[in-house]
Amino acid sequence: MAHVPQIKIPATYIRGGTSKGVFFRRQDLPEAAQVPGEARDKILLRVIGSPDPYGQQIDGMGGATSSTSKTVILDKSSQPDHDVDYLFGQVAINKAFVDWSGNCGNLTAAVGAFAISGGLVDPERIPQNGICTVRIWQKNIQKTIIAYVPITNGEVQETGDFELDGVTFPAAEVVIEFMDPADGEGSMFPTGNLVDDLEVPGIGTFKATMINAGIPTIFLNAEDIGYKGTELQKDINSDAEALERFETMRAYGAVKMGLIKDISEAAARQHTPKIAFVAPATDYEASSGKQIAAGDIDVCVRALSMGKLHHAMMGTASVAIATAAAVPGTLVNQAAGGGEREAVTFGHPSGTLRVGAAAEEVGGEWTAKKAVMSRSARVLMEGWVRIPGDSF
């Protein structure tokens, strides 16, 4: 029996923040995949190695976690005063599904560097030495992001001494500004409240802060759901019943936020919203064995991504944390000690992270002008990915 040979597609495998993903220039994709649709999704699924009933993505580039099952498509920007269009696809591991509903904040750290190296930024905007300001249009959420990428001798500098908890080795620091970070149209607090009662049939009713900033996120109090806020992945991801409860709470929260009309739709929207829980600062041991002191953080936060507790913190959820912390009265703000603040240092399973945000109340509505964080990025491999020619 004759079989169709493999095709090869130019691609780059990059670590951005605490995530990894396969990056493509839109022009390098097969013609059928240069536009949204079934062909594009099928190609990305095959590249990553999904759907995989074994949950390992052995036959693809994915790493069997939400942090490593990611794809990015970049193109010269169609928007005025922007350099690059950034489209993010979160690939499900055991389902034939690519979620286009939100951004990946961690991989954002790599977008500017890839855009520069890939010829998507006009050469006159790139200094010989210094910082290149890359203006990114985030297509999933229709927002502007600014990345400040270090340049040495006309090329992106990736090595450095910036350390990021959740990443083993130091690298060059990339500062990222998320402009007007409320995700989507309408209020930053879609219910109109800083704190709601989230009723979850069969489980209970919980205080919740639901915010659209960085990525739609549902924050709960750790104590209310039986946790301390210092849990590591092994404490939650091995508990199937707990994961099912979180998914149910996430589904009902998504309905309350107006993201879906019925909880049955949550299965097709795994990437958003995120669900997280917060607790006052306390001592704990990070997954690396590093001791985190309560005095070094403002609040403890744990978040789930694609149905599992994240090993560190999603970049977009970090924006949500910073923004919620800046608004007096939210659960995040209360857990951090209350009051007004423009930055927060939170503890996550791998360590700590400081994120800044400025929020203000205008006409009774809370808004945030921008959120700022530091990340790093590094190219791991470049060349071509190969997939069977009949994959799409």
Protein backbone atom coordinates (compact mmCIF):
# COMPACT_ATOMS: atom_id res chain seq x y z
CA MET A 1 0.00 0.00 0.00
CA ALA A 2 1.40 3.41 -0.96
CA HIS A 3 1.67 6.04 1.73
CA VAL A 4 1.93 9.79 1.35
CA PRO A 5 5.42 11.05 2.27
CA GLN A 6 6.05 13.60 4.99
CA ILE A 7 6.16 17.30 4.29
CA LYS A 8 8.38 19.75 6.11
CA ILE A 9 7.38 23.17 7.40
CA PRO A 10 9.83 25.89 8.56
CA ALA A 11 9.43 26.26 12.33
CA THR A 12 11.25 27.30 15.48
CA TYR A 13 10.92 25.67 18.90
CA ILE A 14 11.20 28.34 21.60
CA ARG A 15 10.98 28.64 25.35
CA GLY A 16 9.11 31.76 26.35
CA GLY A 17 8.80 32.39 30.08
CA THR A 18 7.78 29.11 31.70
CA SER A 19 6.25 27.70 28.51
CA LYS A 20 7.51 26.18 25.26
CA GLY A 21 5.91 26.34 21.84
CA VAL A 22 6.36 25.81 18.13
CA PHE A 23 6.55 29.14 16.26
CA PHE A 24 5.66 29.66 12.61
CA ARG A 25 5.65 32.58 10.24
CA ARG A 26 2.24 32.54 8.58
CA GLN A 27 3.87 32.74 5.13
CA ASP A 28 5.78 29.49 5.81
CA LEU A 29 2.67 27.41 6.50
CA PRO A 30 1.07 25.35 3.73
CA GLU A 31 -1.32 27.57 1.78
CA ALA A 32 -4.40 25.87 3.24
CA ALA A 33 -3.18 26.69 6.75
CA GLN A 34 -2.44 30.35 6.11
CA VAL A 35 -6.07 31.10 6.96
CA PRO A 36 -8.15 29.95 9.95
CA GLY A 37 -9.95 26.67 9.54
CA GLU A 38 -9.84 22.90 9.70
CA ALA A 39 -6.60 22.51 7.72
CA ARG A 40 -4.70 24.83 10.05
CA ASP A 41 -6.00 23.08 13.15
CA LYS A 42 -5.18 19.63 11.77
CA ILE A 43 -1.63 20.66 10.92
CA LEU A 44 -0.99 22.12 14.38
CA LEU A 45 -2.49 19.08 16.07
CA ARG A 46 -0.19 16.76 14.09
CA VAL A 47 2.86 18.94 14.77
CA ILE A 48 2.23 18.84 18.52
CA GLY A 49 1.19 15.16 18.56
CA SER A 50 -2.49 15.40 19.43
CA PRO A 51 -4.94 13.94 20.04
CA ASP A 52 -3.03 11.39 22.10
CA PRO A 53 -5.11 8.95 24.18
CA TYR A 54 -1.92 8.05 26.06
CA GLY A 55 -1.55 11.71 27.09
CA GLN A 56 2.17 11.82 26.28
CA GLN A 57 2.39 13.46 22.81
CA ILE A 58 5.27 11.09 21.98
CA ASP A 59 4.66 11.41 18.24
CA GLY A 60 4.93 15.20 18.17
CA MET A 61 6.61 18.29 19.57
CA GLY A 62 4.32 18.64 22.58
CA GLY A 63 5.53 17.92 26.09
CA ALA A 64 2.31 16.46 27.54
CA THR A 65 1.53 19.52 29.68
CA SER A 66 -0.50 22.66 29.05
CA SER A 67 2.77 24.65 29.22
CA THR A 68 4.34 22.70 26.36
CA SER A 69 1.36 22.05 24.07
CA LYS A 70 1.38 25.43 22.39
CA THR A 71 1.66 26.93 18.91
CA VAL A 72 2.24 30.46 17.64
CA ILE A 73 1.68 31.99 14.21
CA LEU A 74 3.26 35.38 13.48
CA ASP A 75 2.86 37.73 10.56
CA LYS A 76 3.76 41.30 9.64
CA SER A 77 1.11 43.38 11.34
CA SER A 78 -1.96 44.56 9.48
CA GLN A 79 -2.56 47.12 12.24
CA PRO A 80 -1.17 50.67 12.07
CA ASP A 81 1.73 51.42 14.41
CA HIS A 82 2.34 47.71 15.12
CA ASP A 83 5.15 45.46 13.96
CA VAL A 84 3.80 41.95 14.24
CA ASP A 85 0.48 40.10 14.52
CA TYR A 86 0.61 37.35 17.15
CA LEU A 87 -1.88 34.47 17.06
CA PHE A 88 -1.76 31.81 19.77
CA GLY A 89 -3.20 28.29 19.58
CA GLN A 90 -3.46 26.16 22.74
CA VAL A 91 -3.46 22.54 21.58
CA ALA A 92 -5.42 20.02 23.62
CA ILE A 93 -3.47 16.91 24.58
CA ASN A 94 -6.03 14.12 24.36
CA LYS A 95 -8.62 15.80 22.14
CA ALA A 96 -8.61 16.94 18.51
CA PHE A 97 -9.01 20.56 19.51
CA VAL A 98 -7.10 23.83 19.21
CA ASP A 99 -8.33 26.61 21.50
CA TRP A 100 -7.98 30.10 19.98
CA SER A 101 -9.91 31.91 22.73
CA GLY A 102 -7.03 33.56 24.59
CA ASN A 103 -3.42 34.67 24.73
CA CYS A 104 -0.32 33.00 26.17
CA GLY A 105 1.53 35.55 28.28
CA ASN A 106 4.62 33.41 28.73
CA LEU A 107 5.17 32.84 25.01
CA THR A 108 4.64 36.57 24.50
CA ALA A 109 8.22 36.92 25.78
CA ALA A 110 9.44 35.11 22.66
CA VAL A 111 7.24 36.88 20.11
CA GLY A 112 9.38 40.02 19.84
CA ALA A 113 12.63 38.09 19.48
CA PHE A 114 11.20 35.73 16.84
CA ALA A 115 9.69 38.66 14.95
CA ILE A 116 13.07 40.39 14.83
CA SER A 117 14.99 37.29 13.78
CA GLY A 118 12.29 36.29 11.30
CA GLY A 119 12.35 39.56 9.41
CA LEU A 120 8.93 40.72 10.59
CA VAL A 121 10.24 43.94 12.18
CA ASP A 122 11.47 46.71 9.88
CA PRO A 123 15.29 46.86 10.04
CA GLU A 124 15.33 50.58 10.80
CA ARG A 125 13.53 49.85 14.08
CA ILE A 126 16.29 47.51 15.27
CA PRO A 127 19.26 49.20 17.00
CA GLN A 128 22.78 47.85 16.62
CA ASN A 129 23.01 47.69 20.41
CA GLY A 130 20.39 48.44 23.03
CA ILE A 131 16.69 47.68 23.30
CA CYS A 132 14.34 47.04 20.40
CA THR A 133 10.76 48.05 21.10
CA VAL A 134 8.47 45.56 19.35
CA ARG A 135 4.83 46.54 19.00
CA ILE A 136 2.72 43.38 19.05
CA TRP A 137 -0.91 43.05 18.03
CA GLN A 138 -2.37 40.11 19.96
CA LYS A 139 -4.98 38.77 17.54
CA ASN A 140 -6.76 36.39 19.92
CA ILE A 141 -7.82 39.18 22.27
CA GLN A 142 -7.35 42.21 19.98
CA LYS A 143 -4.92 43.97 22.31
CA THR A 144 -1.55 45.71 22.10
CA ILE A 145 1.52 44.31 23.84
CA ILE A 146 4.93 46.00 23.90
CA ALA A 147 8.06 43.84 24.22
CA TYR A 148 11.45 45.33 25.00
CA VAL A 149 13.99 42.97 23.45
CA PRO A 150 17.74 43.34 24.14
CA ILE A 151 19.94 43.61 21.02
CA THR A 152 23.72 43.04 20.84
CA ASN A 153 25.65 43.60 17.61
CA GLY A 154 22.41 43.80 15.65
CA GLU A 155 21.08 40.44 16.84
CA VAL A 156 18.69 39.37 19.57
CA GLN A 157 20.51 38.72 22.83
CA GLU A 158 19.18 35.61 24.53
CA THR A 159 21.82 34.90 27.17
CA GLY A 160 21.97 36.85 30.42
CA ASP A 161 21.71 36.69 34.18
CA PHE A 162 17.96 37.23 34.63
CA GLU A 163 16.49 34.42 36.72
CA LEU A 164 12.86 33.36 36.47
CA ASP A 165 11.44 30.88 38.97
CA GLY A 166 10.18 27.86 37.05
CA VAL A 167 13.04 28.11 34.52
CA THR A 168 16.27 26.29 35.35
CA PHE A 169 18.84 28.52 33.67
CA PRO A 170 19.25 32.33 33.56
CA ALA A 171 18.78 34.28 30.32
CA ALA A 172 18.34 37.82 29.05
CA GLU A 173 15.49 39.82 30.56
CA VAL A 174 12.58 40.80 28.31
CA VAL A 175 10.21 43.40 29.77
CA ILE A 176 6.62 43.10 28.55
CA GLU A 177 3.84 45.67 28.81
CA PHE A 178 0.26 44.50 28.34
CA MET A 179 -1.63 47.62 27.28
CA ASP A 180 -5.28 47.99 28.30
CA PRO A 181 -5.15 44.40 29.55
CA ALA A 182 -8.88 43.85 30.04
CA ASP A 183 -9.53 40.79 27.86
CA GLY A 184 -12.34 41.35 25.42
CA GLU A 185 -15.08 43.96 25.30
CA GLY A 186 -17.08 45.25 28.21
CA SER A 187 -16.28 45.61 31.87
CA MET A 188 -13.07 44.39 33.48
CA PHE A 189 -15.40 42.85 36.06
CA PRO A 190 -18.09 41.34 33.79
CA THR A 191 -20.62 40.75 36.56
CA GLY A 192 -20.27 44.32 37.77
CA ASN A 193 -19.02 43.12 41.15
CA LEU A 194 -15.58 42.82 42.70
CA VAL A 195 -16.75 39.75 44.60
CA ASP A 196 -19.62 37.45 43.65
CA ASP A 197 -21.27 34.40 45.15
CA LEU A 198 -20.51 31.61 42.68
CA GLU A 199 -23.09 28.86 43.07
CA VAL A 200 -21.91 25.47 41.87
CA PRO A 201 -24.66 22.85 42.13
CA GLY A 202 -23.59 19.76 43.99
CA ILE A 203 -20.41 21.40 45.27
CA GLY A 204 -21.28 24.62 47.08
CA THR A 205 -21.41 28.40 46.89
CA PHE A 206 -18.11 30.28 47.00
CA LYS A 207 -16.92 33.86 47.09
CA ALA A 208 -15.27 34.61 43.75
CA THR A 209 -13.58 37.48 41.97
CA MET A 210 -14.09 37.18 38.22
CA ILE A 211 -11.92 39.46 36.13
CA ASN A 212 -11.11 40.04 32.47
CA ALA A 213 -7.49 41.18 32.55
CA GLY A 214 -4.71 39.38 30.71
CA ILE A 215 -7.04 36.42 30.47
CA PRO A 216 -10.50 35.81 31.97
CA THR A 217 -9.83 34.42 35.44
CA ILE A 218 -11.90 33.18 38.36
CA PHE A 219 -10.25 33.68 41.76
CA LEU A 220 -11.42 31.75 44.83
CA ASN A 221 -10.23 31.76 48.44
CA ALA A 222 -8.05 28.70 49.06
CA GLU A 223 -9.54 28.16 52.52
CA ASP A 224 -13.09 28.09 51.14
CA ILE A 225 -12.28 25.13 48.89
CA GLY A 226 -10.17 23.20 51.39
CA TYR A 227 -6.66 24.29 50.40
CA LYS A 228 -3.83 26.32 51.93
CA GLY A 229 -2.55 28.09 48.84
CA THR A 230 0.86 26.43 49.16
CA GLU A 231 0.03 23.29 47.17
CA LEU A 232 2.34 21.88 44.51
CA GLN A 233 1.37 19.99 41.35
CA LYS A 234 1.57 16.58 43.03
CA ASP A 235 -0.94 17.66 45.66
CA ILE A 236 -3.70 18.38 43.15
CA ASN A 237 -2.94 16.80 39.78
CA SER A 238 -2.99 13.29 41.25
CA ASP A 239 -6.50 13.88 42.67
CA ALA A 240 -8.98 13.17 39.86
CA GLU A 241 -11.97 14.16 41.99
CA ALA A 242 -10.41 17.52 42.84
CA LEU A 243 -9.65 18.22 39.17
CA GLU A 244 -13.23 17.40 38.25
CA ARG A 245 -14.51 19.81 40.93
CA PHE A 246 -12.26 22.57 39.63
CA GLU A 247 -13.50 22.00 36.09
CA THR A 248 -17.11 22.15 37.25
CA MET A 249 -16.46 25.38 39.14
CA ARG A 250 -14.68 26.79 36.10
CA ALA A 251 -17.64 25.93 33.87
CA TYR A 252 -20.18 27.65 36.13
CA GLY A 253 -17.86 30.63 36.48
CA ALA A 254 -17.57 30.88 32.68
CA VAL A 255 -21.36 31.07 32.44
CA LYS A 256 -21.52 33.77 35.12
CA MET A 257 -18.82 35.75 33.30
CA GLY A 258 -20.86 35.59 30.09
CA LEU A 259 -18.17 33.66 28.22
CA ILE A 260 -20.50 30.73 27.48
CA LYS A 261 -24.25 30.26 27.70
CA ASP A 262 -24.30 26.75 29.13
CA ILE A 263 -21.79 24.71 31.14
CA SER A 264 -21.73 22.10 28.37
CA GLU A 265 -19.83 24.62 26.22
CA ALA A 266 -16.89 24.71 28.67
CA ALA A 267 -15.41 21.53 27.19
CA ALA A 268 -14.81 23.37 23.92
CA ARG A 269 -13.26 26.35 25.72
CA GLN A 270 -10.53 24.78 27.84
CA HIS A 271 -8.04 27.65 27.62
CA THR A 272 -10.36 30.29 29.08
CA PRO A 273 -11.35 31.18 31.69
CA LYS A 274 -8.63 30.16 34.10
CA ILE A 275 -9.45 29.21 37.67
CA ALA A 276 -7.14 30.08 40.56
CA PHE A 277 -7.13 30.24 44.33
CA VAL A 278 -5.45 32.68 46.69
CA ALA A 279 -4.28 32.76 50.30
CA PRO A 280 -2.38 35.18 52.54
CA ALA A 281 1.41 35.04 52.33
CA THR A 282 2.90 32.09 54.21
CA ASP A 283 6.13 30.11 54.27
CA TYR A 284 6.34 27.11 51.96
CA GLU A 285 8.77 24.98 49.99
CA ALA A 286 8.69 25.41 46.19
CA SER A 287 8.86 22.45 43.82
CA SER A 288 12.63 22.97 43.40
CA GLY A 289 13.17 22.75 47.16
CA LYS A 290 13.65 26.51 47.43
CA GLN A 291 12.28 27.94 50.66
CA ILE A 292 9.79 30.75 50.12
CA ALA A 293 9.42 33.08 53.11
CA ALA A 294 6.12 34.80 53.84
CA GLY A 295 8.01 38.08 54.22
CA ASP A 296 9.21 37.88 50.61
CA ILE A 297 5.74 37.69 49.04
CA ASP A 298 2.42 39.51 49.30
CA VAL A 299 0.09 36.61 48.51
CA CYS A 300 0.05 32.93 47.55
CA VAL A 301 -1.63 32.02 44.25
CA ARG A 302 -2.21 28.69 42.55
CA ALA A 303 -3.81 28.43 39.10
CA LEU A 304 -5.01 25.65 36.84
CA SER A 305 -4.47 25.53 33.09
CA MET A 306 -6.13 23.05 30.74
CA GLY A 307 -7.44 21.09 33.70
CA LYS A 308 -4.22 20.75 35.69
CA LEU A 309 -2.42 22.82 38.32
CA HIS A 310 0.23 24.89 36.55
CA HIS A 311 3.84 24.24 37.54
CA ALA A 312 4.48 27.99 37.92
CA MET A 313 2.11 30.70 36.70
CA MET A 314 0.68 31.55 33.30
CA GLY A 315 1.82 34.95 32.09
CA THR A 316 -1.71 36.08 31.30
CA ALA A 317 -2.91 34.92 34.72
CA SER A 318 -0.06 36.93 36.22
CA VAL A 319 -1.60 40.00 34.59
CA ALA A 320 -4.96 39.07 36.10
CA ILE A 321 -3.33 38.66 39.52
CA ALA A 322 -1.58 42.04 39.33
CA THR A 323 -4.69 43.83 38.13
CA ALA A 324 -6.97 42.24 40.71
CA ALA A 325 -4.44 43.01 43.45
CA ALA A 326 -4.51 46.67 42.42
CA VAL A 327 -8.27 46.94 42.98
CA PRO A 328 -9.20 47.27 46.69
CA GLY A 329 -11.84 44.75 47.68
CA THR A 330 -11.11 41.86 45.32
CA LEU A 331 -10.23 38.48 46.83
CA VAL A 332 -6.67 38.85 45.53
CA ASN A 333 -6.34 42.30 47.07
CA GLN A 334 -7.78 41.09 50.38
CA ALA A 335 -5.45 38.09 50.50
CA ALA A 336 -2.53 40.43 49.83
CA GLY A 337 -3.49 42.56 52.83
CA GLY A 338 -5.84 45.08 51.22
CA GLY A 339 -5.26 48.71 50.31
CA GLU A 340 -3.97 50.31 47.14
CA ARG A 341 -0.95 48.89 45.33
CA GLU A 342 0.73 49.15 41.93
CA ALA A 343 2.71 45.92 42.15
CA VAL A 344 2.41 42.54 43.80
CA THR A 345 4.87 39.73 44.47
CA PHE A 346 3.09 36.41 44.58
CA GLY A 347 4.20 32.93 45.47
CA HIS A 348 3.49 30.11 42.99
CA PRO A 349 4.50 26.41 42.95
CA SER A 350 7.94 27.11 41.45
CA GLY A 351 8.80 30.26 43.41
CA THR A 352 7.87 33.93 43.21
CA LEU A 353 7.08 36.59 40.63
CA ARG A 354 6.66 40.35 40.83
CA VAL A 355 4.14 41.95 38.49
CA GLY A 356 3.00 45.56 38.24
CA ALA A 357 -0.37 46.99 37.28
CA ALA A 358 -2.10 50.33 37.61
CA ALA A 359 -5.88 50.30 37.98
CA GLU A 360 -8.23 53.22 38.40
CA GLU A 361 -11.96 53.74 38.83
CA VAL A 362 -13.51 55.94 36.15
CA GLY A 363 -17.23 56.66 36.18
CA GLY A 364 -17.85 53.74 38.52
CA GLU A 365 -15.98 51.30 36.25
CA TRP A 366 -12.55 49.90 37.06
CA THR A 367 -10.01 50.00 34.25
CA ALA A 368 -6.33 49.11 33.95
CA LYS A 369 -4.04 51.01 31.58
CA LYS A 370 -1.28 48.42 31.54
CA ALA A 371 0.39 45.58 33.37
CA VAL A 372 4.14 45.00 33.34
CA MET A 373 6.25 41.92 33.96
CA SER A 374 9.68 40.54 33.14
CA ARG A 375 10.21 37.25 31.35
CA SER A 376 12.94 35.64 29.25
CA ALA A 377 13.02 33.60 26.06
CA ARG A 378 15.43 31.32 24.24
CA VAL A 379 15.42 29.52 20.90
CA LEU A 380 15.80 25.78 21.54
CA MET A 381 15.77 24.51 17.95
CA GLU A 382 15.10 25.85 14.49
CA GLY A 383 14.67 24.30 11.09
CA TRP A 384 11.62 22.29 9.93
CA VAL A 385 8.95 20.22 11.56
CA ARG A 386 7.72 17.22 9.58
CA ILE A 387 4.21 15.79 9.38
CA PRO A 388 2.62 13.20 7.10
CA GLY A 389 1.41 14.85 3.93
CA ASP A 390 -2.12 13.56 4.41
CA SER A 391 -2.48 15.06 7.91
CA PHE A 392 -4.74 17.77 6.55
